[in-house]
Amino acid sequence: LWVGDQQLVDRWYTSSVVEKSGSIDLEAGKKYPIKLEYSEVDGQAIC
């Protein structure tokens, strides 16, 4: 996960269900680009 130019999550490997988080300071009213990538191997992916 990237918000703006900052990568907040980088967990690119197969694993069981897990929660990953990050934090960033954002300015109210400003739009930020979000890029979210995830993969699925066995059809059971949830993001």
All heavy atoms as atom14 arrays in JSON, in Angstrom:
{
  "sequence": "LWVGDQQLVDRWYTSSVVEKSGSIDLEAGKKYPIKLEYSEVDGQAIC",
  "atom14_mask": [
    [1, 1, 1, 1, 1, 1, 1, 1, 0, 0, 0, 0, 0, 0],
    [1, 1, 1, 1, 1, 1, 1, 1, 1, 1, 1, 1, 1, 1],
    [1, 1, 1, 1, 1, 1, 1, 0, 0, 0, 0, 0, 0, 0],
    [1, 1, 1, 1, 0, 0, 0, 0, 0, 0, 0, 0, 0, 0],
    [1, 1, 1, 1, 1, 1, 1, 1, 0, 0, 0, 0, 0, 0],
    [1, 1, 1, 1, 1, 1, 1, 1, 1, 0, 0, 0, 0, 0],
    [1, 1, 1, 1, 1, 1, 1, 1, 1, 0, 0, 0, 0, 0],
    [1, 1, 1, 1, 1, 1, 1, 1, 0, 0, 0, 0, 0, 0],
    [1, 1, 1, 1, 1, 1, 1, 0, 0, 0, 0, 0, 0, 0],
    [1, 1, 1, 1, 1, 1, 1, 1, 0, 0, 0, 0, 0, 0],
    [1, 1, 1, 1, 1, 1, 1, 1, 1, 1, 1, 0, 0, 0],
    [1, 1, 1, 1, 1, 1, 1, 1, 1, 1, 1, 1, 1, 1],
    [1, 1, 1, 1, 1, 1, 1, 1, 1, 1, 1, 1, 0, 0],
    [1, 1, 1, 1, 1, 1, 1, 0, 0, 0, 0, 0, 0, 0],
    [1, 1, 1, 1, 1, 1, 0, 0, 0, 0, 0, 0, 0, 0],
    [1, 1, 1, 1, 1, 1, 0, 0, 0, 0, 0, 0, 0, 0],
    [1, 1, 1, 1, 1, 1, 1, 0, 0, 0, 0, 0, 0, 0],
    [1, 1, 1, 1, 1, 1, 1, 0, 0, 0, 0, 0, 0, 0],
    [1, 1, 1, 1, 1, 1, 1, 1, 1, 0, 0, 0, 0, 0],
    [1, 1, 1, 1, 1, 1, 1, 1, 1, 0, 0, 0, 0, 0],
    [1, 1, 1, 1, 1, 1, 0, 0, 0, 0, 0, 0, 0, 0],
    [1, 1, 1, 1, 0, 0, 0, 0, 0, 0, 0, 0, 0, 0],
    [1, 1, 1, 1, 1, 1, 0, 0, 0, 0, 0, 0, 0, 0],
    [1, 1, 1, 1, 1, 1, 1, 1, 0, 0, 0, 0, 0, 0],
    [1, 1, 1, 1, 1, 1, 1, 1, 0, 0, 0, 0, 0, 0],
    [1, 1, 1, 1, 1, 1, 1, 1, 0, 0, 0, 0, 0, 0],
    [1, 1, 1, 1, 1, 1, 1, 1, 1, 0, 0, 0, 0, 0],
    [1, 1, 1, 1, 1, 0, 0, 0, 0, 0, 0, 0, 0, 0],
    [1, 1, 1, 1, 0, 0, 0, 0, 0, 0, 0, 0, 0, 0],
    [1, 1, 1, 1, 1, 1, 1, 1, 1, 0, 0, 0, 0, 0],
    [1, 1, 1, 1, 1, 1, 1, 1, 1, 0, 0, 0, 0, 0],
    [1, 1, 1, 1, 1, 1, 1, 1, 1, 1, 1, 1, 0, 0],
    [1, 1, 1, 1, 1, 1, 1, 0, 0, 0, 0, 0, 0, 0],
    [1, 1, 1, 1, 1, 1, 1, 1, 0, 0, 0, 0, 0, 0],
    [1, 1, 1, 1, 1, 1, 1, 1, 1, 0, 0, 0, 0, 0],
    [1, 1, 1, 1, 1, 1, 1, 1, 0, 0, 0, 0, 0, 0],
    [1, 1, 1, 1, 1, 1, 1, 1, 1, 0, 0, 0, 0, 0],
    [1, 1, 1, 1, 1, 1, 1, 1, 1, 1, 1, 1, 0, 0],
    [1, 1, 1, 1, 1, 1, 0, 0, 0, 0, 0, 0, 0, 0],
    [1, 1, 1, 1, 1, 1, 1, 1, 1, 0, 0, 0, 0, 0],
    [1, 1, 1, 1, 1, 1, 1, 0, 0, 0, 0, 0, 0, 0],
    [1, 1, 1, 1, 1, 1, 1, 1, 0, 0, 0, 0, 0, 0],
    [1, 1, 1, 1, 0, 0, 0, 0, 0, 0, 0, 0, 0, 0],
    [1, 1, 1, 1, 1, 1, 1, 1, 1, 0, 0, 0, 0, 0],
    [1, 1, 1, 1, 1, 0, 0, 0, 0, 0, 0, 0, 0, 0],
    [1, 1, 1, 1, 1, 1, 1, 1, 0, 0, 0, 0, 0, 0],
    [1, 1, 1, 1, 1, 1, 0, 0, 0, 0, 0, 0, 0, 0]
  ],
  "atom14_positions": [
    [[0.84, -1.2, 0.0], [0.0, 0.0, 0.0], [0.87, 1.24, 0.0], [1.79, 1.36, 0.81], [-0.91, 0.01, 1.24], [-1.71, 1.3, 1.47], [-2.74, 1.51, 0.36], [-2.38, 1.27, 2.84], [0.0, 0.0, 0.0], [0.0, 0.0, 0.0], [0.0, 0.0, 0.0], [0.0, 0.0, 0.0], [0.0, 0.0, 0.0], [0.0, 0.0, 0.0]],
    [[0.55, 2.15, -0.93], [1.19, 3.46, -0.97], [0.1, 4.52, -0.85], [-0.97, 4.4, -1.45], [1.9, 3.69, -2.32], [3.09, 2.87, -2.58], [4.4, 3.22, -2.38], [3.13, 1.56, -3.14], [5.23, 2.2, -2.77], [4.48, 1.16, -3.23], [2.15, 0.65, -3.56], [4.86, -0.07, -3.74], [2.53, -0.58, -4.05], [3.87, -0.92, -4.14]],
    [[0.37, 5.56, -0.1], [-0.48, 6.75, -0.05], [0.45, 7.91, -0.39], [1.45, 8.13, 0.29], [-1.13, 6.95, 1.33], [-1.93, 8.24, 1.36], [-2.03, 5.76, 1.68], [0.0, 0.0, 0.0], [0.0, 0.0, 0.0], [0.0, 0.0, 0.0], [0.0, 0.0, 0.0], [0.0, 0.0, 0.0], [0.0, 0.0, 0.0], [0.0, 0.0, 0.0]],
    [[0.12, 8.63, -1.46], [1.06, 9.61, -1.97], [2.3, 8.86, -2.44], [2.19, 7.83, -3.08], [0.0, 0.0, 0.0], [0.0, 0.0, 0.0], [0.0, 0.0, 0.0], [0.0, 0.0, 0.0], [0.0, 0.0, 0.0], [0.0, 0.0, 0.0], [0.0, 0.0, 0.0], [0.0, 0.0, 0.0], [0.0, 0.0, 0.0], [0.0, 0.0, 0.0]],
    [[3.45, 9.34, -2.09], [4.7, 8.67, -2.45], [5.23, 7.79, -1.33], [6.34, 7.27, -1.43], [5.78, 9.72, -2.81], [5.41, 10.49, -4.07], [4.75, 9.91, -4.94], [5.8, 11.67, -4.17], [0.0, 0.0, 0.0], [0.0, 0.0, 0.0], [0.0, 0.0, 0.0], [0.0, 0.0, 0.0], [0.0, 0.0, 0.0], [0.0, 0.0, 0.0]],
    [[4.47, 7.63, -0.26], [4.95, 6.89, 0.91], [4.36, 5.48, 0.94], [3.15, 5.3, 0.92], [4.56, 7.63, 2.19], [5.13, 7.0, 3.43], [4.87, 7.85, 4.67], [4.58, 9.04, 4.59], [4.96, 7.23, 5.82], [0.0, 0.0, 0.0], [0.0, 0.0, 0.0], [0.0, 0.0, 0.0], [0.0, 0.0, 0.0], [0.0, 0.0, 0.0]],
    [[5.25, 4.48, 0.99], [4.78, 3.1, 1.12], [4.51, 2.81, 2.6], [5.37, 2.97, 3.45], [5.81, 2.11, 0.58], [5.27, 0.7, 0.56], [6.17, -0.28, -0.17], [7.35, -0.02, -0.38], [5.62, -1.42, -0.55], [0.0, 0.0, 0.0], [0.0, 0.0, 0.0], [0.0, 0.0, 0.0], [0.0, 0.0, 0.0], [0.0, 0.0, 0.0]],
    [[3.27, 2.4, 2.89], [2.86, 2.14, 4.26], [2.85, 0.66, 4.6], [3.01, 0.29, 5.76], [1.47, 2.72, 4.52], [1.32, 4.22, 4.3], [-0.11, 4.65, 4.52], [2.26, 4.99, 5.22], [0.0, 0.0, 0.0], [0.0, 0.0, 0.0], [0.0, 0.0, 0.0], [0.0, 0.0, 0.0], [0.0, 0.0, 0.0], [0.0, 0.0, 0.0]],
    [[2.62, -0.19, 3.62], [2.56, -1.64, 3.84], [3.39, -2.32, 2.76], [3.28, -1.98, 1.58], [1.11, -2.17, 3.79], [1.07, -3.68, 3.88], [0.27, -1.54, 4.9], [0.0, 0.0, 0.0], [0.0, 0.0, 0.0], [0.0, 0.0, 0.0], [0.0, 0.0, 0.0], [0.0, 0.0, 0.0], [0.0, 0.0, 0.0], [0.0, 0.0, 0.0]],
    [[4.23, -3.28, 3.16], [5.01, -4.08, 2.23], [5.09, -5.5, 2.78], [6.0, -5.85, 3.52], [6.41, -3.5, 2.04], [7.2, -4.23, 0.96], [6.62, -5.07, 0.25], [8.4, -3.95, 0.83], [0.0, 0.0, 0.0], [0.0, 0.0, 0.0], [0.0, 0.0, 0.0], [0.0, 0.0, 0.0], [0.0, 0.0, 0.0], [0.0, 0.0, 0.0]],
    [[4.08, -6.28, 2.46], [4.01, -7.67, 2.94], [3.65, -8.54, 1.75], [2.51, -8.94, 1.58], [2.98, -7.78, 4.05], [2.98, -9.12, 4.74], [1.98, -9.15, 5.89], [1.95, -10.43, 6.51], [2.63, -10.77, 7.6], [3.41, -9.89, 8.18], [2.54, -11.98, 8.1], [0.0, 0.0, 0.0], [0.0, 0.0, 0.0], [0.0, 0.0, 0.0]],
    [[4.64, -8.8, 0.9], [4.41, -9.46, -0.38], [4.86, -10.91, -0.33], [5.82, -11.3, -0.97], [5.15, -8.72, -1.49], [4.59, -9.03, -2.85], [5.17, -9.82, -3.79], [3.36, -8.58, -3.4], [4.37, -9.88, -4.9], [3.25, -9.12, -4.69], [2.34, -7.78, -2.93], [2.17, -8.88, -5.52], [1.26, -7.54, -3.75], [1.2, -8.08, -5.02]],
    [[4.19, -11.71, 0.44], [4.46, -13.14, 0.47], [3.23, -13.87, 0.99], [2.37, -13.29, 1.64], [5.68, -13.47, 1.33], [5.68, -12.85, 2.71], [5.04, -13.49, 3.78], [6.3, -11.63, 2.95], [5.03, -12.91, 5.04], [6.29, -11.06, 4.21], [5.66, -11.71, 5.24], [5.66, -11.14, 6.49], [0.0, 0.0, 0.0], [0.0, 0.0, 0.0]],
    [[3.15, -15.14, 0.67], [2.0, -15.94, 1.07], [2.01, -16.16, 2.57], [3.03, -16.5, 3.15], [2.05, -17.3, 0.35], [2.11, -17.06, -1.05], [0.83, -18.12, 0.66], [0.0, 0.0, 0.0], [0.0, 0.0, 0.0], [0.0, 0.0, 0.0], [0.0, 0.0, 0.0], [0.0, 0.0, 0.0], [0.0, 0.0, 0.0], [0.0, 0.0, 0.0]],
    [[0.86, -15.94, 3.18], [0.74, -16.17, 4.62], [-0.72, -16.35, 4.97], [-1.6, -16.12, 4.14], [1.32, -15.0, 5.42], [0.56, -13.84, 5.21], [0.0, 0.0, 0.0], [0.0, 0.0, 0.0], [0.0, 0.0, 0.0], [0.0, 0.0, 0.0], [0.0, 0.0, 0.0], [0.0, 0.0, 0.0], [0.0, 0.0, 0.0], [0.0, 0.0, 0.0]],
    [[-0.96, -16.73, 6.18], [-2.34, -16.84, 6.64], [-2.9, -15.43, 6.85], [-2.21, -14.44, 6.67], [-2.4, -17.64, 7.94], [-1.61, -16.99, 8.93], [0.0, 0.0, 0.0], [0.0, 0.0, 0.0], [0.0, 0.0, 0.0], [0.0, 0.0, 0.0], [0.0, 0.0, 0.0], [0.0, 0.0, 0.0], [0.0, 0.0, 0.0], [0.0, 0.0, 0.0]],
    [[-4.14, -15.36, 7.25], [-4.8, -14.07, 7.46], [-3.99, -13.25, 8.46], [-3.64, -13.71, 9.54], [-6.24, -14.27, 7.98], [-6.88, -12.94, 8.29], [-7.05, -15.04, 6.96], [0.0, 0.0, 0.0], [0.0, 0.0, 0.0], [0.0, 0.0, 0.0], [0.0, 0.0, 0.0], [0.0, 0.0, 0.0], [0.0, 0.0, 0.0], [0.0, 0.0, 0.0]],
    [[-3.68, -12.03, 8.08], [-2.89, -11.15, 8.93], [-3.31, -9.71, 8.66], [-3.7, -9.36, 7.56], [-1.38, -11.34, 8.68], [-1.0, -10.92, 7.28], [-0.55, -10.61, 9.69], [0.0, 0.0, 0.0], [0.0, 0.0, 0.0], [0.0, 0.0, 0.0], [0.0, 0.0, 0.0], [0.0, 0.0, 0.0], [0.0, 0.0, 0.0], [0.0, 0.0, 0.0]],
    [[-3.26, -8.9, 9.69], [-3.56, -7.49, 9.54], [-2.25, -6.72, 9.53], [-1.37, -6.97, 10.35], [-4.42, -7.01, 10.7], [-4.79, -5.55, 10.61], [-5.7, -5.1, 11.73], [-6.69, -5.81, 12.01], [-5.4, -4.06, 12.34], [0.0, 0.0, 0.0], [0.0, 0.0, 0.0], [0.0, 0.0, 0.0], [0.0, 0.0, 0.0], [0.0, 0.0, 0.0]],
    [[-2.12, -5.81, 8.61], [-0.93, -4.98, 8.51], [-1.38, -3.53, 8.44], [-2.38, -3.2, 7.81], [-0.14, -5.35, 7.25], [1.19, -4.69, 7.13], [2.16, -5.16, 8.19], [3.49, -4.47, 8.0], [4.34, -4.56, 9.14], [0.0, 0.0, 0.0], [0.0, 0.0, 0.0], [0.0, 0.0, 0.0], [0.0, 0.0, 0.0], [0.0, 0.0, 0.0]],
    [[-0.67, -2.65, 9.14], [-1.06, -1.25, 9.14], [0.15, -0.34, 9.05], [1.28, -0.76, 9.23], [-1.86, -0.93, 10.41], [-1.03, -1.09, 11.54], [0.0, 0.0, 0.0], [0.0, 0.0, 0.0], [0.0, 0.0, 0.0], [0.0, 0.0, 0.0], [0.0, 0.0, 0.0], [0.0, 0.0, 0.0], [0.0, 0.0, 0.0], [0.0, 0.0, 0.0]],
    [[-0.11, 0.9, 8.76], [0.9, 1.94, 8.71], [0.25, 3.25, 9.08], [-0.97, 3.33, 9.26], [0.0, 0.0, 0.0], [0.0, 0.0, 0.0], [0.0, 0.0, 0.0], [0.0, 0.0, 0.0], [0.0, 0.0, 0.0], [0.0, 0.0, 0.0], [0.0, 0.0, 0.0], [0.0, 0.0, 0.0], [0.0, 0.0, 0.0], [0.0, 0.0, 0.0]],
    [[1.04, 4.29, 9.22], [0.46, 5.59, 9.55], [1.12, 6.68, 8.72], [2.27, 6.55, 8.29], [0.61, 5.89, 11.05], [1.97, 5.98, 11.39], [0.0, 0.0, 0.0], [0.0, 0.0, 0.0], [0.0, 0.0, 0.0], [0.0, 0.0, 0.0], [0.0, 0.0, 0.0], [0.0, 0.0, 0.0], [0.0, 0.0, 0.0], [0.0, 0.0, 0.0]],
    [[0.35, 7.73, 8.51], [0.81, 8.85, 7.69], [0.03, 10.09, 8.11], [-1.13, 9.98, 8.49], [0.62, 8.55, 6.18], [1.24, 9.63, 5.31], [-0.85, 8.34, 5.85], [1.24, 9.29, 3.82], [0.0, 0.0, 0.0], [0.0, 0.0, 0.0], [0.0, 0.0, 0.0], [0.0, 0.0, 0.0], [0.0, 0.0, 0.0], [0.0, 0.0, 0.0]],
    [[0.67, 11.23, 8.08], [-0.03, 12.5, 8.34], [-0.58, 13.01, 7.02], [0.14, 13.11, 6.04], [0.93, 13.54, 8.93], [1.38, 13.19, 10.34], [0.57, 12.59, 11.09], [2.52, 13.51, 10.7], [0.0, 0.0, 0.0], [0.0, 0.0, 0.0], [0.0, 0.0, 0.0], [0.0, 0.0, 0.0], [0.0, 0.0, 0.0], [0.0, 0.0, 0.0]],
    [[-1.89, 13.31, 7.01], [-2.55, 13.82, 5.82], [-3.15, 15.18, 6.1], [-3.53, 15.48, 7.24], [-3.66, 12.86, 5.38], [-3.23, 11.43, 5.06], [-4.45, 10.57, 4.76], [-2.26, 11.41, 3.9], [0.0, 0.0, 0.0], [0.0, 0.0, 0.0], [0.0, 0.0, 0.0], [0.0, 0.0, 0.0], [0.0, 0.0, 0.0], [0.0, 0.0, 0.0]],
    [[-3.26, 16.0, 5.06], [-3.84, 17.33, 5.18], [-5.33, 17.25, 4.82], [-5.69, 16.75, 3.74], [-3.12, 18.28, 4.22], [-3.58, 19.7, 4.27], [-2.83, 20.57, 3.29], [-1.65, 20.3, 3.01], [-3.45, 21.53, 2.78], [0.0, 0.0, 0.0], [0.0, 0.0, 0.0], [0.0, 0.0, 0.0], [0.0, 0.0, 0.0], [0.0, 0.0, 0.0]],
    [[-6.19, 17.76, 5.68], [-7.64, 17.72, 5.45], [-7.98, 18.42, 4.15], [-7.43, 19.47, 3.82], [-8.37, 18.37, 6.61], [0.0, 0.0, 0.0], [0.0, 0.0, 0.0], [0.0, 0.0, 0.0], [0.0, 0.0, 0.0], [0.0, 0.0, 0.0], [0.0, 0.0, 0.0], [0.0, 0.0, 0.0], [0.0, 0.0, 0.0], [0.0, 0.0, 0.0]],
    [[-8.88, 17.81, 3.38], [-9.34, 18.4, 2.13], [-8.45, 18.15, 0.94], [-8.82, 18.46, -0.19], [0.0, 0.0, 0.0], [0.0, 0.0, 0.0], [0.0, 0.0, 0.0], [0.0, 0.0, 0.0], [0.0, 0.0, 0.0], [0.0, 0.0, 0.0], [0.0, 0.0, 0.0], [0.0, 0.0, 0.0], [0.0, 0.0, 0.0], [0.0, 0.0, 0.0]],
    [[-7.27, 17.6, 1.13], [-6.34, 17.34, 0.04], [-6.53, 15.9, -0.44], [-6.7, 14.99, 0.36], [-4.9, 17.54, 0.52], [-3.86, 17.35, -0.57], [-2.47, 17.66, -0.07], [-1.43, 17.41, -1.15], [-0.07, 17.63, -0.67], [0.0, 0.0, 0.0], [0.0, 0.0, 0.0], [0.0, 0.0, 0.0], [0.0, 0.0, 0.0], [0.0, 0.0, 0.0]],
    [[-6.49, 15.71, -1.77], [-6.6, 14.37, -2.34], [-5.21, 13.76, -2.47], [-4.26, 14.45, -2.86], [-7.26, 14.43, -3.71], [-8.71, 14.87, -3.66], [-9.3, 14.93, -5.04], [-10.73, 15.42, -5.0], [-11.32, 15.52, -6.35], [0.0, 0.0, 0.0], [0.0, 0.0, 0.0], [0.0, 0.0, 0.0], [0.0, 0.0, 0.0], [0.0, 0.0, 0.0]],
    [[-5.1, 12.48, -2.13], [-3.85, 11.75, -2.2], [-4.02, 10.52, -3.07], [-5.03, 9.81, -2.93], [-3.39, 11.3, -0.81], [-3.02, 12.43, 0.11], [-3.99, 13.08, 0.87], [-1.7, 12.86, 0.21], [-3.65, 14.12, 1.71], [-1.36, 13.9, 1.05], [-2.33, 14.53, 1.79], [-2.0, 15.56, 2.63], [0.0, 0.0, 0.0], [0.0, 0.0, 0.0]],
    [[-3.06, 10.23, -3.94], [-3.16, 8.99, -4.71], [-2.94, 7.79, -3.79], [-2.1, 7.83, -2.89], [-2.04, 9.11, -5.74], [-1.11, 10.13, -5.22], [-1.89, 11.02, -4.3], [0.0, 0.0, 0.0], [0.0, 0.0, 0.0], [0.0, 0.0, 0.0], [0.0, 0.0, 0.0], [0.0, 0.0, 0.0], [0.0, 0.0, 0.0], [0.0, 0.0, 0.0]],
    [[-3.74, 6.76, -4.01], [-3.62, 5.51, -3.26], [-3.35, 4.4, -4.26], [-4.04, 4.28, -5.28], [-4.92, 5.18, -2.49], [-5.2, 6.24, -1.45], [-4.83, 3.8, -1.85], [-6.54, 6.07, -0.76], [0.0, 0.0, 0.0], [0.0, 0.0, 0.0], [0.0, 0.0, 0.0], [0.0, 0.0, 0.0], [0.0, 0.0, 0.0], [0.0, 0.0, 0.0]],
    [[-2.36, 3.58, -3.96], [-2.08, 2.4, -4.78], [-2.07, 1.21, -3.84], [-1.3, 1.17, -2.87], [-0.73, 2.54, -5.47], [-0.37, 1.34, -6.33], [0.98, 1.56, -7.01], [1.41, 0.36, -7.81], [2.75, 0.57, -8.41], [0.0, 0.0, 0.0], [0.0, 0.0, 0.0], [0.0, 0.0, 0.0], [0.0, 0.0, 0.0], [0.0, 0.0, 0.0]],
    [[-2.93, 0.24, -4.11], [-3.04, -0.96, -3.29], [-2.87, -2.17, -4.19], [-3.61, -2.31, -5.17], [-4.4, -1.01, -2.59], [-4.71, -2.26, -1.78], [-3.74, -2.44, -0.63], [-6.14, -2.2, -1.26], [0.0, 0.0, 0.0], [0.0, 0.0, 0.0], [0.0, 0.0, 0.0], [0.0, 0.0, 0.0], [0.0, 0.0, 0.0], [0.0, 0.0, 0.0]],
    [[-1.91, -3.01, -3.89], [-1.67, -4.24, -4.65], [-1.85, -5.42, -3.71], [-1.46, -5.34, -2.55], [-0.25, -4.3, -5.2], [0.13, -3.19, -6.14], [1.59, -3.27, -6.57], [2.41, -3.85, -5.84], [1.91, -2.75, -7.66], [0.0, 0.0, 0.0], [0.0, 0.0, 0.0], [0.0, 0.0, 0.0], [0.0, 0.0, 0.0], [0.0, 0.0, 0.0]],
    [[-2.44, -6.49, -4.21], [-2.47, -7.73, -3.45], [-2.53, -8.89, -4.43], [-2.85, -8.71, -5.6], [-3.64, -7.77, -2.46], [-5.01, -7.93, -3.09], [-5.62, -9.17, -3.13], [-5.68, -6.83, -3.61], [-6.88, -9.32, -3.7], [-6.94, -6.97, -4.16], [-7.53, -8.22, -4.21], [-8.77, -8.36, -4.76], [0.0, 0.0, 0.0], [0.0, 0.0, 0.0]],
    [[-2.17, -10.05, -3.98], [-2.19, -11.23, -4.85], [-3.0, -12.32, -4.19], [-3.24, -12.31, -2.98], [-0.76, -11.72, -5.11], [-0.2, -12.22, -3.92], [0.0, 0.0, 0.0], [0.0, 0.0, 0.0], [0.0, 0.0, 0.0], [0.0, 0.0, 0.0], [0.0, 0.0, 0.0], [0.0, 0.0, 0.0], [0.0, 0.0, 0.0], [0.0, 0.0, 0.0]],
    [[-3.42, -13.26, -5.0], [-4.11, -14.43, -4.48], [-3.52, -15.66, -5.17], [-3.14, -15.6, -6.32], [-5.62, -14.33, -4.67], [-6.12, -14.34, -6.07], [-6.34, -15.74, -6.63], [-6.41, -16.7, -5.83], [-6.41, -15.88, -7.83], [0.0, 0.0, 0.0], [0.0, 0.0, 0.0], [0.0, 0.0, 0.0], [0.0, 0.0, 0.0], [0.0, 0.0, 0.0]],
    [[-3.41, -16.72, -4.42], [-2.81, -17.94, -4.94], [-3.85, -19.03, -5.13], [-3.87, -19.71, -6.13], [-1.68, -18.42, -3.99], [-1.09, -19.73, -4.47], [-0.61, -17.35, -3.86], [0.0, 0.0, 0.0], [0.0, 0.0, 0.0], [0.0, 0.0, 0.0], [0.0, 0.0, 0.0], [0.0, 0.0, 0.0], [0.0, 0.0, 0.0], [0.0, 0.0, 0.0]],
    [[-4.74, -19.16, -4.17], [-5.7, -20.27, -4.21], [-7.15, -19.83, -4.3], [-8.06, -20.6, -4.05], [-5.52, -21.16, -2.98], [-5.75, -20.41, -1.67], [-6.16, -19.23, -1.72], [-5.52, -21.0, -0.6], [0.0, 0.0, 0.0], [0.0, 0.0, 0.0], [0.0, 0.0, 0.0], [0.0, 0.0, 0.0], [0.0, 0.0, 0.0], [0.0, 0.0, 0.0]],
    [[-7.4, -18.57, -4.67], [-8.76, -18.08, -4.83], [-9.4, -17.64, -3.53], [-10.59, -17.34, -3.5], [0.0, 0.0, 0.0], [0.0, 0.0, 0.0], [0.0, 0.0, 0.0], [0.0, 0.0, 0.0], [0.0, 0.0, 0.0], [0.0, 0.0, 0.0], [0.0, 0.0, 0.0], [0.0, 0.0, 0.0], [0.0, 0.0, 0.0], [0.0, 0.0, 0.0]],
    [[-8.65, -17.57, -2.46], [-9.21, -17.22, -1.16], [-8.72, -15.86, -0.64], [-8.87, -15.56, 0.53], [-8.84, -18.29, -0.13], [-9.34, -19.68, -0.48], [-10.84, -19.75, -0.55], [-11.53, -19.22, 0.31], [-11.37, -20.39, -1.58], [0.0, 0.0, 0.0], [0.0, 0.0, 0.0], [0.0, 0.0, 0.0], [0.0, 0.0, 0.0], [0.0, 0.0, 0.0]],
    [[-8.15, -15.03, -1.5], [-7.58, -13.76, -1.06], [-8.65, -12.79, -0.59], [-9.74, -12.72, -1.16], [-6.77, -13.12, -2.18], [0.0, 0.0, 0.0], [0.0, 0.0, 0.0], [0.0, 0.0, 0.0], [0.0, 0.0, 0.0], [0.0, 0.0, 0.0], [0.0, 0.0, 0.0], [0.0, 0.0, 0.0], [0.0, 0.0, 0.0], [0.0, 0.0, 0.0]],
    [[-8.34, -12.07, 0.46], [-9.2, -11.01, 0.98], [-8.3, -9.8, 1.24], [-7.25, -9.93, 1.84], [-9.89, -11.42, 2.3], [-10.83, -12.6, 2.06], [-10.65, -10.25, 2.89], [-11.39, -13.18, 3.33], [0.0, 0.0, 0.0], [0.0, 0.0, 0.0], [0.0, 0.0, 0.0], [0.0, 0.0, 0.0], [0.0, 0.0, 0.0], [0.0, 0.0, 0.0]],
    [[-8.74, -8.65, 0.78], [-7.99, -7.42, 1.03], [-8.99, -6.34, 1.4], [-9.96, -6.12, 0.68], [-7.18, -7.03, -0.2], [-6.1, -5.63, 0.07], [0.0, 0.0, 0.0], [0.0, 0.0, 0.0], [0.0, 0.0, 0.0], [0.0, 0.0, 0.0], [0.0, 0.0, 0.0], [0.0, 0.0, 0.0], [0.0, 0.0, 0.0], [0.0, 0.0, 0.0]]
  ]
}
